[in-house]
Amino acid sequence: QVQLVESGGGLVQAGGSLRLSCAASGIMVRINAMGWYRQAPGKQRELVARISSGGSTNYADSVKGRFTISRDNAKNMVYLQMYSLKPEDTAVYYCNTDPPYAIARPYWGQGTQVTVSS
C-alpha cells in the first residue's frame, strides 16, 4: 500500500525559507522519478520540481533558482528546500511519483500547506 506523507509547511514571510519533507512507503524513491506538486486556490495542481531515478533535477520556471529537490534513498524520503519565498508560492504542496502514482485513480497524500505573507 502506497503512502506519501508530506510535512514541513507553515506560515512564512516573503523572502523566507522552508524545507518540506515527504516520507514514502510502498514505493522506493530511488527507482522512481519523484516530484513536488502544488495547488493554489482556484488553480490546477502543477509540478514544480522533479528528480529522476538517476538523480537529475528539473524545475518549473517559476521556482528555478529558489527551490531544490533532493532525496535520501536510505530513509526513502524526498525533500524540497525553498528559499526566497514569494506570496505566489502559497499553495498546498504534495509529493508524488512523476507521473502521479495511480491504481484505478491517482493517489495523493494530504499535502502540506505553505502560506507566504507579503
N, C-alpha and C. Protein backbone atom coordinates (compact mmCIF):
# COMPACT_ATOMS: atom_id res chain seq x y z
N GLN A 1 0.85 -1.20 0.00
CA GLN A 1 0.00 0.00 0.00
C GLN A 1 0.88 1.24 0.00
N VAL A 2 0.66 2.10 -0.97
CA VAL A 2 1.46 3.32 -1.09
C VAL A 2 0.95 4.38 -0.10
N GLN A 3 1.91 5.01 0.53
CA GLN A 3 1.58 6.13 1.40
C GLN A 3 2.64 7.21 1.24
N LEU A 4 2.21 8.43 1.05
CA LEU A 4 3.10 9.59 0.93
C LEU A 4 2.64 10.60 1.97
N VAL A 5 3.53 10.95 2.87
CA VAL A 5 3.18 11.86 3.96
C VAL A 5 4.07 13.08 3.89
N GLU A 6 3.46 14.21 3.59
CA GLU A 6 4.19 15.47 3.47
C GLU A 6 4.16 16.22 4.79
N SER A 7 5.23 16.95 5.05
CA SER A 7 5.29 17.76 6.26
C SER A 7 6.25 18.92 6.04
N GLY A 8 6.23 19.87 6.97
CA GLY A 8 7.18 20.96 6.93
C GLY A 8 6.61 22.29 6.47
N GLY A 9 5.36 22.30 6.07
CA GLY A 9 4.77 23.56 5.63
C GLY A 9 4.52 24.50 6.81
N GLY A 10 4.06 25.67 6.48
CA GLY A 10 3.78 26.64 7.53
C GLY A 10 3.58 28.03 6.96
N LEU A 11 3.54 28.99 7.87
CA LEU A 11 3.39 30.39 7.50
C LEU A 11 4.75 31.06 7.57
N VAL A 12 5.13 31.73 6.52
CA VAL A 12 6.44 32.38 6.46
C VAL A 12 6.29 33.72 5.74
N GLN A 13 7.14 34.66 6.10
CA GLN A 13 7.12 35.94 5.40
C GLN A 13 7.82 35.84 4.06
N ALA A 14 7.46 36.72 3.17
CA ALA A 14 8.12 36.77 1.86
C ALA A 14 9.63 36.91 2.07
N GLY A 15 10.37 36.15 1.29
CA GLY A 15 11.82 36.14 1.42
C GLY A 15 12.33 35.05 2.34
N GLY A 16 11.43 34.41 3.04
CA GLY A 16 11.82 33.36 3.97
C GLY A 16 12.05 32.02 3.30
N SER A 17 12.32 31.03 4.15
CA SER A 17 12.65 29.68 3.65
C SER A 17 11.85 28.64 4.40
N LEU A 18 11.62 27.53 3.74
CA LEU A 18 11.02 26.36 4.34
C LEU A 18 11.63 25.12 3.71
N ARG A 19 11.61 24.04 4.46
CA ARG A 19 12.04 22.75 3.93
C ARG A 19 10.90 21.75 4.11
N LEU A 20 10.41 21.26 3.00
CA LEU A 20 9.35 20.27 3.03
C LEU A 20 9.95 18.86 2.99
N SER A 21 9.28 17.95 3.66
CA SER A 21 9.71 16.55 3.68
C SER A 21 8.57 15.66 3.23
N CYS A 22 8.92 14.56 2.61
CA CYS A 22 7.93 13.58 2.17
C CYS A 22 8.44 12.20 2.55
N ALA A 23 7.70 11.52 3.40
CA ALA A 23 8.02 10.15 3.79
C ALA A 23 7.21 9.21 2.92
N ALA A 24 7.92 8.36 2.19
CA ALA A 24 7.26 7.45 1.26
C ALA A 24 7.30 6.02 1.79
N SER A 25 6.22 5.32 1.60
CA SER A 25 6.18 3.88 1.89
C SER A 25 5.37 3.21 0.78
N GLY A 26 5.72 1.99 0.49
CA GLY A 26 5.06 1.26 -0.58
C GLY A 26 5.67 1.49 -1.94
N ILE A 27 6.54 2.49 -2.05
CA ILE A 27 7.30 2.73 -3.27
C ILE A 27 8.72 3.09 -2.85
N MET A 28 9.65 2.91 -3.76
CA MET A 28 11.05 3.23 -3.47
C MET A 28 11.42 4.49 -4.24
N VAL A 29 11.77 5.53 -3.52
CA VAL A 29 12.03 6.81 -4.18
C VAL A 29 13.26 6.72 -5.08
N ARG A 30 14.18 5.79 -4.82
CA ARG A 30 15.42 5.75 -5.60
C ARG A 30 15.21 5.18 -6.99
N ILE A 31 14.12 4.47 -7.22
CA ILE A 31 13.90 3.89 -8.54
C ILE A 31 12.73 4.54 -9.27
N ASN A 32 12.15 5.55 -8.67
CA ASN A 32 11.05 6.28 -9.29
C ASN A 32 11.44 7.73 -9.52
N ALA A 33 10.94 8.31 -10.58
CA ALA A 33 11.00 9.76 -10.70
C ALA A 33 10.01 10.32 -9.69
N MET A 34 10.49 11.23 -8.85
CA MET A 34 9.66 11.82 -7.80
C MET A 34 9.50 13.30 -8.06
N GLY A 35 8.37 13.83 -7.67
CA GLY A 35 8.12 15.24 -7.90
C GLY A 35 7.43 15.90 -6.73
N TRP A 36 7.60 17.20 -6.65
CA TRP A 36 6.81 18.03 -5.75
C TRP A 36 5.82 18.81 -6.62
N TYR A 37 4.58 18.73 -6.22
CA TYR A 37 3.50 19.42 -6.90
C TYR A 37 2.91 20.44 -5.94
N ARG A 38 2.21 21.41 -6.50
CA ARG A 38 1.49 22.33 -5.63
C ARG A 38 0.17 22.73 -6.28
N GLN A 39 -0.76 23.06 -5.42
CA GLN A 39 -2.07 23.51 -5.88
C GLN A 39 -2.49 24.72 -5.08
N ALA A 40 -2.58 25.83 -5.78
CA ALA A 40 -3.05 27.06 -5.16
C ALA A 40 -4.57 27.15 -5.29
N PRO A 41 -5.21 27.92 -4.43
CA PRO A 41 -6.67 28.04 -4.50
C PRO A 41 -7.14 28.47 -5.88
N GLY A 42 -8.09 27.73 -6.42
CA GLY A 42 -8.66 28.07 -7.72
C GLY A 42 -7.79 27.72 -8.92
N LYS A 43 -6.67 27.05 -8.66
CA LYS A 43 -5.76 26.70 -9.75
C LYS A 43 -5.57 25.19 -9.81
N GLN A 44 -5.10 24.74 -10.96
CA GLN A 44 -4.82 23.33 -11.13
C GLN A 44 -3.51 22.97 -10.44
N ARG A 45 -3.40 21.73 -10.04
CA ARG A 45 -2.16 21.24 -9.45
C ARG A 45 -1.07 21.27 -10.52
N GLU A 46 0.12 21.70 -10.12
CA GLU A 46 1.24 21.79 -11.07
C GLU A 46 2.48 21.15 -10.48
N LEU A 47 3.28 20.60 -11.35
CA LEU A 47 4.56 20.01 -10.96
C LEU A 47 5.59 21.13 -10.91
N VAL A 48 6.25 21.30 -9.77
CA VAL A 48 7.22 22.39 -9.64
C VAL A 48 8.66 21.90 -9.56
N ALA A 49 8.87 20.66 -9.16
CA ALA A 49 10.23 20.14 -9.07
C ALA A 49 10.19 18.64 -9.26
N ARG A 50 11.20 18.13 -9.92
CA ARG A 50 11.25 16.70 -10.24
C ARG A 50 12.68 16.21 -10.10
N ILE A 51 12.82 14.99 -9.58
CA ILE A 51 14.12 14.34 -9.54
C ILE A 51 13.95 12.97 -10.16
N SER A 52 14.78 12.66 -11.13
CA SER A 52 14.68 11.39 -11.82
C SER A 52 15.30 10.28 -10.99
N SER A 53 15.10 9.05 -11.42
CA SER A 53 15.72 7.93 -10.72
C SER A 53 17.24 8.04 -10.79
N GLY A 54 17.75 8.67 -11.82
CA GLY A 54 19.18 8.86 -11.95
C GLY A 54 19.72 10.05 -11.19
N GLY A 55 18.82 10.86 -10.64
CA GLY A 55 19.26 11.98 -9.81
C GLY A 55 19.23 13.34 -10.50
N SER A 56 18.89 13.37 -11.76
CA SER A 56 18.82 14.67 -12.42
C SER A 56 17.55 15.40 -12.00
N THR A 57 17.63 16.72 -11.96
CA THR A 57 16.52 17.52 -11.46
C THR A 57 16.02 18.50 -12.51
N ASN A 58 14.74 18.82 -12.40
CA ASN A 58 14.11 19.80 -13.26
C ASN A 58 13.16 20.64 -12.43
N TYR A 59 13.01 21.90 -12.84
CA TYR A 59 12.17 22.81 -12.08
C TYR A 59 11.28 23.62 -13.00
N ALA A 60 10.12 23.97 -12.49
CA ALA A 60 9.28 24.92 -13.21
C ALA A 60 9.99 26.26 -13.22
N ASP A 61 9.77 27.02 -14.27
CA ASP A 61 10.43 28.32 -14.39
C ASP A 61 10.14 29.21 -13.18
N SER A 62 8.95 29.07 -12.63
CA SER A 62 8.54 29.94 -11.53
C SER A 62 9.33 29.72 -10.25
N VAL A 63 9.98 28.57 -10.13
CA VAL A 63 10.72 28.27 -8.89
C VAL A 63 12.20 28.04 -9.14
N LYS A 64 12.62 28.05 -10.37
CA LYS A 64 14.01 27.77 -10.72
C LYS A 64 14.94 28.75 -10.02
N GLY A 65 15.96 28.22 -9.41
CA GLY A 65 16.92 29.06 -8.69
C GLY A 65 16.54 29.32 -7.25
N ARG A 66 15.31 28.98 -6.86
CA ARG A 66 14.86 29.21 -5.49
C ARG A 66 14.54 27.91 -4.75
N PHE A 67 14.13 26.88 -5.47
CA PHE A 67 13.76 25.60 -4.87
C PHE A 67 14.78 24.54 -5.26
N THR A 68 15.01 23.60 -4.35
CA THR A 68 15.90 22.48 -4.62
C THR A 68 15.24 21.19 -4.14
N ILE A 69 15.12 20.24 -5.04
CA ILE A 69 14.56 18.94 -4.69
C ILE A 69 15.72 17.97 -4.44
N SER A 70 15.54 17.12 -3.45
CA SER A 70 16.56 16.11 -3.14
C SER A 70 15.87 14.89 -2.55
N ARG A 71 16.64 13.83 -2.38
CA ARG A 71 16.07 12.64 -1.78
C ARG A 71 17.12 11.93 -0.94
N ASP A 72 16.65 11.15 0.01
CA ASP A 72 17.51 10.31 0.84
C ASP A 72 17.05 8.88 0.60
N ASN A 73 17.82 8.15 -0.18
CA ASN A 73 17.40 6.79 -0.54
C ASN A 73 17.31 5.88 0.67
N ALA A 74 18.22 6.04 1.61
CA ALA A 74 18.24 5.18 2.79
C ALA A 74 16.99 5.37 3.64
N LYS A 75 16.53 6.62 3.71
CA LYS A 75 15.34 6.91 4.51
C LYS A 75 14.05 6.86 3.69
N ASN A 76 14.20 6.71 2.39
CA ASN A 76 13.05 6.71 1.48
C ASN A 76 12.24 8.01 1.61
N MET A 77 12.98 9.11 1.61
CA MET A 77 12.41 10.44 1.80
C MET A 77 12.74 11.32 0.60
N VAL A 78 11.86 12.28 0.35
CA VAL A 78 12.08 13.30 -0.67
C VAL A 78 11.92 14.66 0.02
N TYR A 79 12.74 15.62 -0.37
CA TYR A 79 12.72 16.93 0.26
C TYR A 79 12.56 18.03 -0.78
N LEU A 80 12.05 19.16 -0.32
CA LEU A 80 12.01 20.36 -1.15
C LEU A 80 12.47 21.52 -0.29
N GLN A 81 13.65 22.03 -0.59
CA GLN A 81 14.16 23.21 0.09
C GLN A 81 13.72 24.42 -0.70
N MET A 82 13.06 25.33 -0.01
CA MET A 82 12.51 26.51 -0.68
C MET A 82 13.13 27.76 -0.07
N TYR A 83 13.71 28.58 -0.90
CA TYR A 83 14.30 29.86 -0.49
C TYR A 83 13.57 31.00 -1.19
N SER A 84 13.78 32.19 -0.66
CA SER A 84 13.25 33.42 -1.29
C SER A 84 11.78 33.25 -1.64
N LEU A 85 11.02 32.78 -0.69
CA LEU A 85 9.62 32.51 -0.94
C LEU A 85 8.84 33.77 -1.26
N LYS A 86 7.86 33.62 -2.14
CA LYS A 86 7.03 34.73 -2.59
C LYS A 86 5.56 34.43 -2.26
N PRO A 87 4.74 35.44 -2.14
CA PRO A 87 3.31 35.19 -1.87
C PRO A 87 2.69 34.24 -2.90
N GLU A 88 3.15 34.29 -4.13
CA GLU A 88 2.58 33.41 -5.16
C GLU A 88 3.00 31.96 -5.00
N ASP A 89 3.89 31.68 -4.07
CA ASP A 89 4.22 30.29 -3.75
C ASP A 89 3.21 29.67 -2.79
N THR A 90 2.30 30.47 -2.29
CA THR A 90 1.28 29.96 -1.38
C THR A 90 0.44 28.88 -2.06
N ALA A 91 0.39 27.71 -1.45
CA ALA A 91 -0.31 26.56 -2.04
C ALA A 91 -0.23 25.38 -1.08
N VAL A 92 -0.97 24.35 -1.40
CA VAL A 92 -0.77 23.06 -0.74
C VAL A 92 0.24 22.28 -1.59
N TYR A 93 1.27 21.79 -0.94
CA TYR A 93 2.34 21.09 -1.62
C TYR A 93 2.21 19.58 -1.38
N TYR A 94 2.39 18.83 -2.46
CA TYR A 94 2.28 17.38 -2.43
C TYR A 94 3.52 16.76 -3.07
N CYS A 95 3.92 15.61 -2.58
CA CYS A 95 4.92 14.85 -3.31
C CYS A 95 4.23 13.64 -3.92
N ASN A 96 4.81 13.16 -5.01
CA ASN A 96 4.26 12.00 -5.69
C ASN A 96 5.29 11.54 -6.70
N THR A 97 5.02 10.41 -7.30
CA THR A 97 5.83 9.99 -8.42
C THR A 97 5.47 10.87 -9.62
N ASP A 98 6.31 10.83 -10.65
CA ASP A 98 6.01 11.52 -11.89
C ASP A 98 6.05 10.51 -13.01
N PRO A 99 4.93 10.18 -13.62
CA PRO A 99 3.59 10.71 -13.36
C PRO A 99 3.04 10.24 -12.02
N PRO A 100 1.97 10.87 -11.53
CA PRO A 100 1.44 10.54 -10.21
C PRO A 100 1.04 9.08 -10.10
N TYR A 101 1.33 8.51 -8.93
CA TYR A 101 1.01 7.12 -8.67
C TYR A 101 -0.50 6.91 -8.79
N ALA A 102 -0.89 5.85 -9.46
CA ALA A 102 -2.33 5.61 -9.66
C ALA A 102 -2.61 4.12 -9.79
N ILE A 103 -3.65 3.70 -9.10
CA ILE A 103 -4.27 2.40 -9.34
C ILE A 103 -5.76 2.70 -9.46
N ALA A 104 -6.27 2.60 -10.62
CA ALA A 104 -7.66 2.98 -10.93
C ALA A 104 -7.81 4.50 -10.94
N ARG A 105 -7.25 5.16 -9.92
CA ARG A 105 -7.27 6.63 -9.92
C ARG A 105 -6.02 7.12 -9.22
N PRO A 106 -5.61 8.36 -9.48
CA PRO A 106 -4.37 8.87 -8.88
C PRO A 106 -4.46 8.91 -7.36
N TYR A 107 -3.34 8.59 -6.74
CA TYR A 107 -3.24 8.68 -5.29
C TYR A 107 -2.55 9.99 -4.92
N TRP A 108 -3.08 10.67 -3.94
CA TRP A 108 -2.43 11.87 -3.39
C TRP A 108 -2.48 11.82 -1.87
N GLY A 109 -1.39 12.23 -1.24
CA GLY A 109 -1.37 12.35 0.20
C GLY A 109 -2.16 13.57 0.64
N GLN A 110 -2.01 13.93 1.91
CA GLN A 110 -2.81 15.04 2.42
C GLN A 110 -2.19 16.38 2.09
N GLY A 111 -0.93 16.38 1.69
CA GLY A 111 -0.26 17.62 1.36
C GLY A 111 0.13 18.41 2.60
N THR A 112 0.89 19.47 2.38
CA THR A 112 1.27 20.37 3.46
C THR A 112 1.09 21.80 2.98
N GLN A 113 0.46 22.61 3.81
CA GLN A 113 0.12 23.98 3.42
C GLN A 113 1.32 24.90 3.59
N VAL A 114 1.62 25.64 2.55
CA VAL A 114 2.64 26.69 2.62
C VAL A 114 1.94 28.02 2.36
N THR A 115 2.09 28.93 3.30
CA THR A 115 1.49 30.25 3.16
C THR A 115 2.58 31.29 3.31
N VAL A 116 2.72 32.13 2.29
CA VAL A 116 3.75 33.16 2.29
C VAL A 116 3.05 34.52 2.37
N SER A 117 3.35 35.25 3.42
CA SER A 117 2.74 36.56 3.60
C SER A 117 3.63 37.64 3.02
N SER A 118 3.01 38.69 2.54
CA SER A 118 3.77 39.78 1.92
C SER A 118 4.16 40.83 2.96
